[in-house]
Amino acid sequence: MSLTIKNRKKAVKQAVANEKLEGLKVSVEARKIADNYITGKVSAKSAAAKIRARYGNL
């Protein structure tokens, strides 16, 4: 596993943990977007835009 994938996976893991701490649950759709980011299929900017488009700015 490349360093980039490890870093991305760590960032997603931290984001999911933050959501849980706030009492929120990460949807299946959001997880799919995050998985595409981890594997490099989409950039962080694109993943964030997709999340915002789906759920709005919280």
C-alpha atoms as a PDB file:
ATOM      1  CA  MET A   1       0.000   0.000   0.000  1.00  0.00           C
ATOM      2  CA  SER A   2       1.412   3.352  -1.012  1.00  0.00           C
ATOM      3  CA  LEU A   3       2.033   6.160   1.436  1.00  0.00           C
ATOM      4  CA  THR A   4      -0.615   8.271  -0.285  1.00  0.00           C
ATOM      5  CA  ILE A   5      -3.280   5.600   0.200  1.00  0.00           C
ATOM      6  CA  LYS A   6      -2.230   5.145   3.825  1.00  0.00           C
ATOM      7  CA  ASN A   7      -2.472   8.894   4.415  1.00  0.00           C
ATOM      8  CA  ARG A   8      -5.855   9.110   2.735  1.00  0.00           C
ATOM      9  CA  LYS A   9      -7.156   6.126   4.692  1.00  0.00           C
ATOM     10  CA  LYS A  10      -5.972   7.729   7.928  1.00  0.00           C
ATOM     11  CA  ALA A  11      -7.665  11.034   7.039  1.00  0.00           C
ATOM     12  CA  VAL A  12     -10.963   9.271   6.283  1.00  0.00           C
ATOM     13  CA  LYS A  13     -10.725   7.240   9.480  1.00  0.00           C
ATOM     14  CA  GLN A  14     -10.253  10.449  11.480  1.00  0.00           C
ATOM     15  CA  ALA A  15     -13.181  12.136   9.705  1.00  0.00           C
ATOM     16  CA  VAL A  16     -15.458   9.174  10.436  1.00  0.00           C
ATOM     17  CA  ALA A  17     -14.356   9.194  14.091  1.00  0.00           C
ATOM     18  CA  ASN A  18     -15.168  12.915  14.304  1.00  0.00           C
ATOM     19  CA  GLU A  19     -18.632  12.267  12.902  1.00  0.00           C
ATOM     20  CA  LYS A  20     -19.209   9.550  15.512  1.00  0.00           C
ATOM     21  CA  LEU A  21     -18.043  11.852  18.303  1.00  0.00           C
ATOM     22  CA  GLU A  22     -20.652  14.364  17.160  1.00  0.00           C
ATOM     23  CA  GLY A  23     -23.341  11.689  17.280  1.00  0.00           C
ATOM     24  CA  LEU A  24     -23.627  11.381  13.525  1.00  0.00           C
ATOM     25  CA  LYS A  25     -23.496   8.328  11.298  1.00  0.00           C
ATOM     26  CA  VAL A  26     -21.643   8.184   7.983  1.00  0.00           C
ATOM     27  CA  SER A  27     -23.993   7.031   5.221  1.00  0.00           C
ATOM     28  CA  VAL A  28     -23.220   4.255   2.786  1.00  0.00           C
ATOM     29  CA  GLU A  29     -23.138   6.818  -0.026  1.00  0.00           C
ATOM     30  CA  ALA A  30     -20.658   9.034   1.827  1.00  0.00           C
ATOM     31  CA  ARG A  31     -18.512   6.002   2.571  1.00  0.00           C
ATOM     32  CA  LYS A  32     -18.434   5.122  -1.147  1.00  0.00           C
ATOM     33  CA  ILE A  33     -17.255   8.649  -1.946  1.00  0.00           C
ATOM     34  CA  ALA A  34     -14.592   8.335   0.757  1.00  0.00           C
ATOM     35  CA  ASP A  35     -13.466   4.967  -0.610  1.00  0.00           C
ATOM     36  CA  ASN A  36     -13.076   6.516  -4.064  1.00  0.00           C
ATOM     37  CA  TYR A  37     -10.933   9.227  -2.485  1.00  0.00           C
ATOM     38  CA  ILE A  38      -8.790   6.658  -0.654  1.00  0.00           C
ATOM     39  CA  THR A  39      -8.085   4.763  -3.872  1.00  0.00           C
ATOM     40  CA  GLY A  40      -7.338   7.957  -5.784  1.00  0.00           C
ATOM     41  CA  LYS A  41     -10.344   7.777  -8.098  1.00  0.00           C
ATOM     42  CA  VAL A  42     -11.378  11.279  -6.983  1.00  0.00           C
ATOM     43  CA  SER A  43      -9.453  14.149  -5.428  1.00  0.00           C
ATOM     44  CA  ALA A  44     -10.141  15.496  -1.949  1.00  0.00           C
ATOM     45  CA  LYS A  45     -11.687  18.584  -3.526  1.00  0.00           C
ATOM     46  CA  SER A  46     -13.974  16.491  -5.716  1.00  0.00           C
ATOM     47  CA  ALA A  47     -14.960  14.198  -2.836  1.00  0.00           C
ATOM     48  CA  ALA A  48     -15.799  17.195  -0.645  1.00  0.00           C
ATOM     49  CA  ALA A  49     -17.855  18.741  -3.456  1.00  0.00           C
ATOM     50  CA  LYS A  50     -19.801  15.492  -3.899  1.00  0.00           C
ATOM     51  CA  ILE A  51     -20.510  15.306  -0.162  1.00  0.00           C
ATOM     52  CA  ARG A  52     -21.625  18.957  -0.077  1.00  0.00           C
ATOM     53  CA  ALA A  53     -23.829  18.476  -3.140  1.00  0.00           C
ATOM     54  CA  ARG A  54     -25.508  15.491  -1.541  1.00  0.00           C
ATOM     55  CA  TYR A  55     -25.816  16.723   2.059  1.00  0.00           C
ATOM     56  CA  GLY A  56     -25.210  20.463   1.940  1.00  0.00           C
ATOM     57  CA  ASN A  57     -22.845  22.502   4.103  1.00  0.00           C
ATOM     58  CA  LEU A  58     -23.321  21.527   7.710  1.00  0.00           C
END
